[in-house]
C-alpha atoms as a PDB file:
ATOM      1  CA  MET A   1       0.000   0.000   0.000  1.00  0.00           C
ATOM      2  CA  LYS A   2       1.254   3.474  -0.795  1.00  0.00           C
ATOM      3  CA  LEU A   3       2.086   5.748   2.130  1.00  0.00           C
ATOM      4  CA  ASP A   4      -0.493   8.340   1.125  1.00  0.00           C
ATOM      5  CA  ALA A   5      -3.272   5.707   1.291  1.00  0.00           C
ATOM      6  CA  TRP A   6      -1.931   4.322   4.585  1.00  0.00           C
ATOM      7  CA  LEU A   7      -1.983   7.791   6.142  1.00  0.00           C
ATOM      8  CA  ARG A   8      -5.652   8.278   5.219  1.00  0.00           C
ATOM      9  CA  GLN A   9      -6.580   5.217   7.272  1.00  0.00           C
ATOM     10  CA  ASP A  10      -7.107   5.082  11.006  1.00  0.00           C
ATOM     11  CA  HIS A  11      -4.104   3.488  12.737  1.00  0.00           C
ATOM     12  CA  PRO A  12      -3.123   3.341  16.410  1.00  0.00           C
ATOM     13  CA  LEU A  13      -0.496   5.803  17.537  1.00  0.00           C
ATOM     14  CA  ALA A  14       1.958   2.943  18.152  1.00  0.00           C
ATOM     15  CA  ASP A  15       1.698   1.872  14.494  1.00  0.00           C
ATOM     16  CA  ARG A  16       2.121   5.455  13.288  1.00  0.00           C
ATOM     17  CA  LEU A  17       5.250   5.855  15.403  1.00  0.00           C
ATOM     18  CA  ARG A  18       6.579   2.486  14.218  1.00  0.00           C
ATOM     19  CA  LEU A  19       6.068   3.630  10.633  1.00  0.00           C
ATOM     20  CA  VAL A  20       8.060   6.811  11.280  1.00  0.00           C
ATOM     21  CA  GLU A  21      10.846   4.663  12.729  1.00  0.00           C
ATOM     22  CA  ARG A  22      10.822   2.268   9.753  1.00  0.00           C
ATOM     23  CA  LEU A  23      10.774   5.122   7.249  1.00  0.00           C
ATOM     24  CA  SER A  24      13.724   6.740   9.039  1.00  0.00           C
ATOM     25  CA  GLN A  25      15.619   3.442   8.979  1.00  0.00           C
ATOM     26  CA  ALA A  26      14.965   3.049   5.248  1.00  0.00           C
ATOM     27  CA  LEU A  27      16.187   6.597   4.578  1.00  0.00           C
ATOM     28  CA  ASN A  28      19.316   6.079   6.689  1.00  0.00           C
ATOM     29  CA  ALA A  29      20.136   2.841   4.863  1.00  0.00           C
ATOM     30  CA  LEU A  30      19.702   4.558   1.515  1.00  0.00           C
ATOM     31  CA  HIS A  31      21.906   7.493   2.502  1.00  0.00           C
ATOM     32  CA  ASP A  32      24.545   5.130   3.943  1.00  0.00           C
ATOM     33  CA  ARG A  33      24.796   3.609   0.456  1.00  0.00           C
ATOM     34  CA  GLY A  34      25.310   7.089  -0.997  1.00  0.00           C
ATOM     35  CA  GLU A  35      21.952   7.139  -2.782  1.00  0.00           C
ATOM     36  CA  VAL A  36      19.749  10.202  -3.134  1.00  0.00           C
ATOM     37  CA  LEU A  37      16.009  10.082  -3.730  1.00  0.00           C
ATOM     38  CA  ALA A  38      14.289  11.890  -6.567  1.00  0.00           C
ATOM     39  CA  SER A  39      11.249  12.557  -4.408  1.00  0.00           C
ATOM     40  CA  LEU A  40       9.973  11.306  -1.068  1.00  0.00           C
ATOM     41  CA  ALA A  41       6.350  11.934  -2.066  1.00  0.00           C
ATOM     42  CA  PRO A  42       3.940   9.712  -0.099  1.00  0.00           C
ATOM     43  CA  ALA A  43       2.627   8.250  -3.365  1.00  0.00           C
ATOM     44  CA  ARG A  44       6.149   6.910  -4.083  1.00  0.00           C
ATOM     45  CA  VAL A  45       6.653   5.115  -0.743  1.00  0.00           C
ATOM     46  CA  GLU A  46       5.354   1.563  -0.429  1.00  0.00           C
ATOM     47  CA  VAL A  47       4.378   0.402   3.073  1.00  0.00           C
ATOM     48  CA  GLY A  48       4.316  -3.349   3.718  1.00  0.00           C
ATOM     49  CA  ASN A  49       2.104  -5.265   6.124  1.00  0.00           C
ATOM     50  CA  ASP A  50       5.034  -5.319   8.562  1.00  0.00           C
ATOM     51  CA  LEU A  51       5.356  -1.505   8.158  1.00  0.00           C
ATOM     52  CA  GLN A  52       8.633  -1.879   6.271  1.00  0.00           C
ATOM     53  CA  CYS A  53       9.077   0.947   3.764  1.00  0.00           C
ATOM     54  CA  ASP A  54      10.158   0.387   0.167  1.00  0.00           C
ATOM     55  CA  LEU A  55      11.688   3.546  -1.279  1.00  0.00           C
ATOM     56  CA  SER A  56      12.613   2.175  -4.701  1.00  0.00           C
ATOM     57  CA  ALA A  57       9.946   4.242  -6.504  1.00  0.00           C
ATOM     58  CA  ALA A  58      11.090   7.350  -4.599  1.00  0.00           C
ATOM     59  CA  GLY A  59      14.506   7.030  -6.213  1.00  0.00           C
ATOM     60  CA  ARG A  60      13.129   7.173  -9.751  1.00  0.00           C
ATOM     61  CA  GLY A  61      11.383   9.831 -11.764  1.00  0.00           C
ATOM     62  CA  SER A  62      11.399  13.578 -11.611  1.00  0.00           C
ATOM     63  CA  PRO A  63      11.852  15.569  -8.416  1.00  0.00           C
ATOM     64  CA  GLU A  64       8.604  16.937  -6.979  1.00  0.00           C
ATOM     65  CA  PRO A  65       8.647  20.309  -5.217  1.00  0.00           C
ATOM     66  CA  GLY A  66       7.969  19.852  -1.528  1.00  0.00           C
ATOM     67  CA  TYR A  67       9.194  16.236  -1.566  1.00  0.00           C
ATOM     68  CA  ALA A  68      12.601  16.401  -3.254  1.00  0.00           C
ATOM     69  CA  PRO A  69      15.992  17.354  -1.835  1.00  0.00           C
ATOM     70  CA  PRO A  70      16.892  20.952  -2.774  1.00  0.00           C
ATOM     71  CA  GLU A  71      19.987  19.873  -4.676  1.00  0.00           C
ATOM     72  CA  ARG A  72      17.852  17.672  -6.969  1.00  0.00           C
ATOM     73  CA  LEU A  73      15.434  20.535  -7.661  1.00  0.00           C
ATOM     74  CA  GLU A  74      18.418  22.731  -8.595  1.00  0.00           C
ATOM     75  CA  GLY A  75      19.742  20.067 -10.978  1.00  0.00           C
ATOM     76  CA  MET A  76      22.811  19.217  -8.918  1.00  0.00           C
ATOM     77  CA  PRO A  77      23.902  15.664  -8.037  1.00  0.00           C
END
C-alpha cells in the first residue's frame, strides 16, 4: 500500500510511530549507500504489512517540489 493511502486510514499511535521509525531506517540505509532520492512523495513510498518501507519508486522519476531534496530541484547531483 502506498504511504499516502496508509496515512488516510485510522491506525493506532503505536503503528504510526513504528512507521516513522521504519521510514527513518529506510532513509538512513539509503543514505549510507550514498543514494539520493528523486522525491519522497507519499505516493512513491510503499508500506508493507510489517510496516517496512520500500523507497525504490522514490529514487526514480522527476523531483517533486515539496518532496525532493533541494539539490535535486536545482539540478545538482
